[in-house]
PDB file of all heavy atoms in Angstrom:
ATOM      1  N   GLU A   1      -5.036   8.799   6.001  1.00  0.00           N
ATOM      2  CA  GLU A   1      -5.333  10.209   5.755  1.00  0.00           C
ATOM      3  C   GLU A   1      -6.304  10.370   4.579  1.00  0.00           C
ATOM      4  O   GLU A   1      -7.117  11.294   4.577  1.00  0.00           O
ATOM      5  CB  GLU A   1      -4.047  10.979   5.458  1.00  0.00           C
ATOM      6  CG  GLU A   1      -3.115  11.072   6.640  1.00  0.00           C
ATOM      7  CD  GLU A   1      -1.724  11.531   6.249  1.00  0.00           C
ATOM      8  OE1 GLU A   1      -1.412  11.540   5.031  1.00  0.00           O
ATOM      9  OE2 GLU A   1      -0.929  11.868   7.172  1.00  0.00           O
ATOM     10  N   GLY A   2      -6.184   9.510   3.575  1.00  0.00           N
ATOM     11  CA  GLY A   2      -7.042   9.637   2.410  1.00  0.00           C
ATOM     12  C   GLY A   2      -6.403  10.497   1.331  1.00  0.00           C
ATOM     13  O   GLY A   2      -5.189  10.571   1.204  1.00  0.00           O
ATOM     14  N   ALA A   3      -7.223  11.142   0.501  1.00  0.00           N
ATOM     15  CA  ALA A   3      -6.821  11.977  -0.622  1.00  0.00           C
ATOM     16  C   ALA A   3      -6.505  11.105  -1.853  1.00  0.00           C
ATOM     17  O   ALA A   3      -6.686   9.868  -1.834  1.00  0.00           O
ATOM     18  CB  ALA A   3      -5.656  12.893  -0.298  1.00  0.00           C
ATOM     19  N   TYR A   4      -6.065  11.747  -2.908  1.00  0.00           N
ATOM     20  CA  TYR A   4      -5.965  11.139  -4.242  1.00  0.00           C
ATOM     21  C   TYR A   4      -5.199   9.826  -4.261  1.00  0.00           C
ATOM     22  O   TYR A   4      -5.686   8.812  -4.759  1.00  0.00           O
ATOM     23  CB  TYR A   4      -5.301  12.156  -5.174  1.00  0.00           C
ATOM     24  CG  TYR A   4      -4.987  11.646  -6.559  1.00  0.00           C
ATOM     25  CD1 TYR A   4      -6.008  11.467  -7.495  1.00  0.00           C
ATOM     26  CD2 TYR A   4      -3.684  11.370  -6.951  1.00  0.00           C
ATOM     27  CE1 TYR A   4      -5.707  11.004  -8.778  1.00  0.00           C
ATOM     28  CE2 TYR A   4      -3.382  10.923  -8.214  1.00  0.00           C
ATOM     29  CZ  TYR A   4      -4.408  10.741  -9.118  1.00  0.00           C
ATOM     30  OH  TYR A   4      -4.091  10.283 -10.382  1.00  0.00           O
ATOM     31  N   GLU A   5      -3.995   9.821  -3.740  1.00  0.00           N
ATOM     32  CA  GLU A   5      -3.155   8.644  -3.839  1.00  0.00           C
ATOM     33  C   GLU A   5      -3.753   7.440  -3.080  1.00  0.00           C
ATOM     34  O   GLU A   5      -3.628   6.303  -3.516  1.00  0.00           O
ATOM     35  CB  GLU A   5      -1.749   8.939  -3.309  1.00  0.00           C
ATOM     36  CG  GLU A   5      -1.011   9.991  -4.098  1.00  0.00           C
ATOM     37  CD  GLU A   5      -1.275  11.405  -3.599  1.00  0.00           C
ATOM     38  OE1 GLU A   5      -2.111  11.561  -2.666  1.00  0.00           O
ATOM     39  OE2 GLU A   5      -0.667  12.354  -4.116  1.00  0.00           O
ATOM     40  N   ALA A   6      -4.417   7.734  -1.953  1.00  0.00           N
ATOM     41  CA  ALA A   6      -5.053   6.654  -1.206  1.00  0.00           C
ATOM     42  C   ALA A   6      -6.215   6.047  -1.995  1.00  0.00           C
ATOM     43  O   ALA A   6      -6.443   4.838  -1.970  1.00  0.00           O
ATOM     44  CB  ALA A   6      -5.551   7.165   0.142  1.00  0.00           C
ATOM     45  N   ARG A   7      -6.978   6.899  -2.670  1.00  0.00           N
ATOM     46  CA  ARG A   7      -8.092   6.409  -3.478  1.00  0.00           C
ATOM     47  C   ARG A   7      -7.603   5.571  -4.659  1.00  0.00           C
ATOM     48  O   ARG A   7      -8.341   4.737  -5.166  1.00  0.00           O
ATOM     49  CB  ARG A   7      -8.938   7.577  -3.989  1.00  0.00           C
ATOM     50  CG  ARG A   7      -9.637   8.380  -2.909  1.00  0.00           C
ATOM     51  CD  ARG A   7     -10.738   9.259  -3.502  1.00  0.00           C
ATOM     52  NE  ARG A   7     -10.244  10.155  -4.529  1.00  0.00           N
ATOM     53  CZ  ARG A   7      -9.789  11.393  -4.302  1.00  0.00           C
ATOM     54  NH1 ARG A   7      -9.766  11.856  -3.048  1.00  0.00           N
ATOM     55  NH2 ARG A   7      -9.383  12.163  -5.284  1.00  0.00           N
ATOM     56  N   MET A   8      -6.391   5.838  -5.109  1.00  0.00           N
ATOM     57  CA  MET A   8      -5.836   5.148  -6.274  1.00  0.00           C
ATOM     58  C   MET A   8      -4.993   3.941  -5.887  1.00  0.00           C
ATOM     59  O   MET A   8      -4.320   3.353  -6.728  1.00  0.00           O
ATOM     60  CB  MET A   8      -4.977   6.135  -7.070  1.00  0.00           C
ATOM     61  CG  MET A   8      -5.718   7.347  -7.560  1.00  0.00           C
ATOM     62  SD  MET A   8      -6.812   6.997  -8.921  1.00  0.00           S
ATOM     63  CE  MET A   8      -5.623   6.975 -10.248  1.00  0.00           C
ATOM     64  N   SER A   9      -5.021   3.552  -4.627  1.00  0.00           N
ATOM     65  CA  SER A   9      -4.269   2.401  -4.166  1.00  0.00           C
ATOM     66  C   SER A   9      -5.137   1.159  -4.169  1.00  0.00           C
ATOM     67  O   SER A   9      -6.334   1.225  -3.881  1.00  0.00           O
ATOM     68  CB  SER A   9      -3.735   2.644  -2.754  1.00  0.00           C
ATOM     69  OG  SER A   9      -3.083   1.494  -2.248  1.00  0.00           O
ATOM     70  N   PRO A  10      -4.573  -0.006  -4.481  1.00  0.00           N
ATOM     71  CA  PRO A  10      -5.389  -1.211  -4.537  1.00  0.00           C
ATOM     72  C   PRO A  10      -5.782  -1.788  -3.195  1.00  0.00           C
ATOM     73  O   PRO A  10      -6.761  -2.543  -3.093  1.00  0.00           O
ATOM     74  CB  PRO A  10      -4.513  -2.198  -5.307  1.00  0.00           C
ATOM     75  CG  PRO A  10      -3.118  -1.749  -5.018  1.00  0.00           C
ATOM     76  CD  PRO A  10      -3.194  -0.265  -4.922  1.00  0.00           C
ATOM     77  N   ALA A  11      -5.034  -1.462  -2.119  1.00  0.00           N
ATOM     78  CA  ALA A  11      -5.310  -2.114  -0.836  1.00  0.00           C
ATOM     79  C   ALA A  11      -4.876  -1.216   0.327  1.00  0.00           C
ATOM     80  O   ALA A  11      -3.858  -0.519   0.220  1.00  0.00           O
ATOM     81  CB  ALA A  11      -4.576  -3.461  -0.761  1.00  0.00           C
ATOM     82  N   ASP A  12      -5.628  -1.303   1.418  1.00  0.00           N
ATOM     83  CA  ASP A  12      -5.291  -0.449   2.562  1.00  0.00           C
ATOM     84  C   ASP A  12      -4.080  -0.955   3.341  1.00  0.00           C
ATOM     85  O   ASP A  12      -3.484  -0.215   4.144  1.00  0.00           O
ATOM     86  CB  ASP A  12      -6.494  -0.308   3.506  1.00  0.00           C
ATOM     87  CG  ASP A  12      -7.096  -1.645   3.913  1.00  0.00           C
ATOM     88  OD1 ASP A  12      -6.443  -2.678   3.684  1.00  0.00           O
ATOM     89  OD2 ASP A  12      -8.212  -1.653   4.455  1.00  0.00           O
ATOM     90  N   ASN A  13      -3.656  -2.189   3.104  1.00  0.00           N
ATOM     91  CA  ASN A  13      -2.475  -2.726   3.782  1.00  0.00           C
ATOM     92  C   ASN A  13      -1.300  -2.894   2.826  1.00  0.00           C
ATOM     93  O   ASN A  13      -0.443  -3.749   3.012  1.00  0.00           O
ATOM     94  CB  ASN A  13      -2.807  -4.094   4.414  1.00  0.00           C
ATOM     95  CG  ASN A  13      -3.249  -5.113   3.387  1.00  0.00           C
ATOM     96  OD1 ASN A  13      -3.703  -4.759   2.300  1.00  0.00           O
ATOM     97  ND2 ASN A  13      -3.120  -6.383   3.726  1.00  0.00           N
ATOM     98  N   VAL A  14      -1.251  -2.045   1.781  1.00  0.00           N
ATOM     99  CA  VAL A  14      -0.265  -2.209   0.738  1.00  0.00           C
ATOM    100  C   VAL A  14       1.166  -2.014   1.264  1.00  0.00           C
ATOM    101  O   VAL A  14       2.107  -2.626   0.776  1.00  0.00           O
ATOM    102  CB  VAL A  14      -0.555  -1.286  -0.467  1.00  0.00           C
ATOM    103  CG1 VAL A  14      -0.236   0.176  -0.138  1.00  0.00           C
ATOM    104  CG2 VAL A  14       0.205  -1.730  -1.693  1.00  0.00           C
ATOM    105  N   GLU A  15       1.338  -1.183   2.321  1.00  0.00           N
ATOM    106  CA  GLU A  15       2.684  -0.985   2.863  1.00  0.00           C
ATOM    107  C   GLU A  15       3.255  -2.299   3.383  1.00  0.00           C
ATOM    108  O   GLU A  15       4.392  -2.653   3.073  1.00  0.00           O
ATOM    109  CB  GLU A  15       2.677   0.069   3.977  1.00  0.00           C
ATOM    110  CG  GLU A  15       4.024   0.204   4.669  1.00  0.00           C
ATOM    111  CD  GLU A  15       4.078   1.291   5.705  1.00  0.00           C
ATOM    112  OE1 GLU A  15       3.303   2.253   5.647  1.00  0.00           O
ATOM    113  OE2 GLU A  15       4.939   1.171   6.624  1.00  0.00           O
ATOM    114  N   ASN A  16       2.477  -2.996   4.189  1.00  0.00           N
ATOM    115  CA  ASN A  16       2.941  -4.274   4.720  1.00  0.00           C
ATOM    116  C   ASN A  16       3.256  -5.276   3.600  1.00  0.00           C
ATOM    117  O   ASN A  16       4.277  -5.982   3.622  1.00  0.00           O
ATOM    118  CB  ASN A  16       1.937  -4.881   5.668  1.00  0.00           C
ATOM    119  CG  ASN A  16       1.751  -4.058   6.941  1.00  0.00           C
ATOM    120  OD1 ASN A  16       2.601  -3.223   7.257  1.00  0.00           O
ATOM    121  ND2 ASN A  16       0.661  -4.261   7.641  1.00  0.00           N
ATOM    122  N   LEU A  17       2.335  -5.341   2.647  1.00  0.00           N
ATOM    123  CA  LEU A  17       2.500  -6.274   1.547  1.00  0.00           C
ATOM    124  C   LEU A  17       3.761  -5.945   0.720  1.00  0.00           C
ATOM    125  O   LEU A  17       4.511  -6.846   0.348  1.00  0.00           O
ATOM    126  CB  LEU A  17       1.262  -6.222   0.621  1.00  0.00           C
ATOM    127  CG  LEU A  17      -0.058  -6.663   1.238  1.00  0.00           C
ATOM    128  CD1 LEU A  17      -1.225  -6.281   0.349  1.00  0.00           C
ATOM    129  CD2 LEU A  17      -0.030  -8.177   1.462  1.00  0.00           C
ATOM    130  N   LEU A  18       3.977  -4.671   0.473  1.00  0.00           N
ATOM    131  CA  LEU A  18       5.108  -4.239  -0.319  1.00  0.00           C
ATOM    132  C   LEU A  18       6.431  -4.565   0.365  1.00  0.00           C
ATOM    133  O   LEU A  18       7.334  -5.201  -0.209  1.00  0.00           O
ATOM    134  CB  LEU A  18       5.017  -2.750  -0.606  1.00  0.00           C
ATOM    135  CG  LEU A  18       6.059  -2.123  -1.549  1.00  0.00           C
ATOM    136  CD1 LEU A  18       5.470  -0.883  -2.230  1.00  0.00           C
ATOM    137  CD2 LEU A  18       7.342  -1.723  -0.808  1.00  0.00           C
ATOM    138  N   LEU A  19       6.568  -4.161   1.634  1.00  0.00           N
ATOM    139  CA  LEU A  19       7.834  -4.352   2.332  1.00  0.00           C
ATOM    140  C   LEU A  19       8.135  -5.835   2.554  1.00  0.00           C
ATOM    141  O   LEU A  19       9.277  -6.264   2.494  1.00  0.00           O
ATOM    142  CB  LEU A  19       7.817  -3.581   3.639  1.00  0.00           C
ATOM    143  CG  LEU A  19       7.818  -2.052   3.503  1.00  0.00           C
ATOM    144  CD1 LEU A  19       7.740  -1.400   4.870  1.00  0.00           C
ATOM    145  CD2 LEU A  19       9.048  -1.564   2.749  1.00  0.00           C
ATOM    146  N   GLU A  20       7.075  -6.599   2.839  1.00  0.00           N
ATOM    147  CA  GLU A  20       7.298  -8.023   3.057  1.00  0.00           C
ATOM    148  C   GLU A  20       7.794  -8.740   1.801  1.00  0.00           C
ATOM    149  O   GLU A  20       8.775  -9.480   1.847  1.00  0.00           O
ATOM    150  CB  GLU A  20       5.989  -8.685   3.541  1.00  0.00           C
ATOM    151  CG  GLU A  20       6.114 -10.167   3.790  1.00  0.00           C
ATOM    152  CD  GLU A  20       4.771 -10.802   4.229  1.00  0.00           C
ATOM    153  OE1 GLU A  20       3.785 -10.062   4.386  1.00  0.00           O
ATOM    154  OE2 GLU A  20       4.755 -12.027   4.392  1.00  0.00           O
ATOM    155  N   THR A  21       7.123  -8.475   0.680  1.00  0.00           N
ATOM    156  CA  THR A  21       7.477  -9.157  -0.578  1.00  0.00           C
ATOM    157  C   THR A  21       8.826  -8.643  -1.088  1.00  0.00           C
ATOM    158  O   THR A  21       9.658  -9.427  -1.556  1.00  0.00           O
ATOM    159  CB  THR A  21       6.386  -8.977  -1.627  1.00  0.00           C
ATOM    160  OG1 THR A  21       5.137  -9.435  -1.081  1.00  0.00           O
ATOM    161  CG2 THR A  21       6.699  -9.800  -2.869  1.00  0.00           C
ATOM    162  N   ALA A  22       9.023  -7.334  -1.062  1.00  0.00           N
ATOM    163  CA  ALA A  22      10.299  -6.765  -1.525  1.00  0.00           C
ATOM    164  C   ALA A  22      11.442  -7.278  -0.691  1.00  0.00           C
ATOM    165  O   ALA A  22      12.550  -7.591  -1.218  1.00  0.00           O
ATOM    166  CB  ALA A  22      10.247  -5.243  -1.508  1.00  0.00           C
ATOM    167  N   GLY A  23      11.245  -7.387   0.608  1.00  0.00           N
ATOM    168  CA  GLY A  23      12.303  -7.915   1.470  1.00  0.00           C
ATOM    169  C   GLY A  23      12.650  -9.338   1.099  1.00  0.00           C
ATOM    170  O   GLY A  23      13.840  -9.745   1.097  1.00  0.00           O
ATOM    171  N   GLN A  24      11.626 -10.139   0.786  1.00  0.00           N
ATOM    172  CA  GLN A  24      11.851 -11.525   0.385  1.00  0.00           C
ATOM    173  C   GLN A  24      12.679 -11.568  -0.911  1.00  0.00           C
ATOM    174  O   GLN A  24      13.625 -12.362  -1.025  1.00  0.00           O
ATOM    175  CB  GLN A  24      10.512 -12.223   0.160  1.00  0.00           C
ATOM    176  CG  GLN A  24      10.613 -13.618  -0.441  1.00  0.00           C
ATOM    177  CD  GLN A  24       9.278 -14.163  -0.898  1.00  0.00           C
ATOM    178  OE1 GLN A  24       8.230 -13.584  -0.603  1.00  0.00           O
ATOM    179  NE2 GLN A  24       9.289 -15.262  -1.614  1.00  0.00           N
TER     180      GLN A  24
END
């Protein structure tokens, strides 16, 4: 969608990265 929070995120796939590592 974009907007402020998306522009301030380090990576477009951060959801996958976050859930995978946190799950580990």
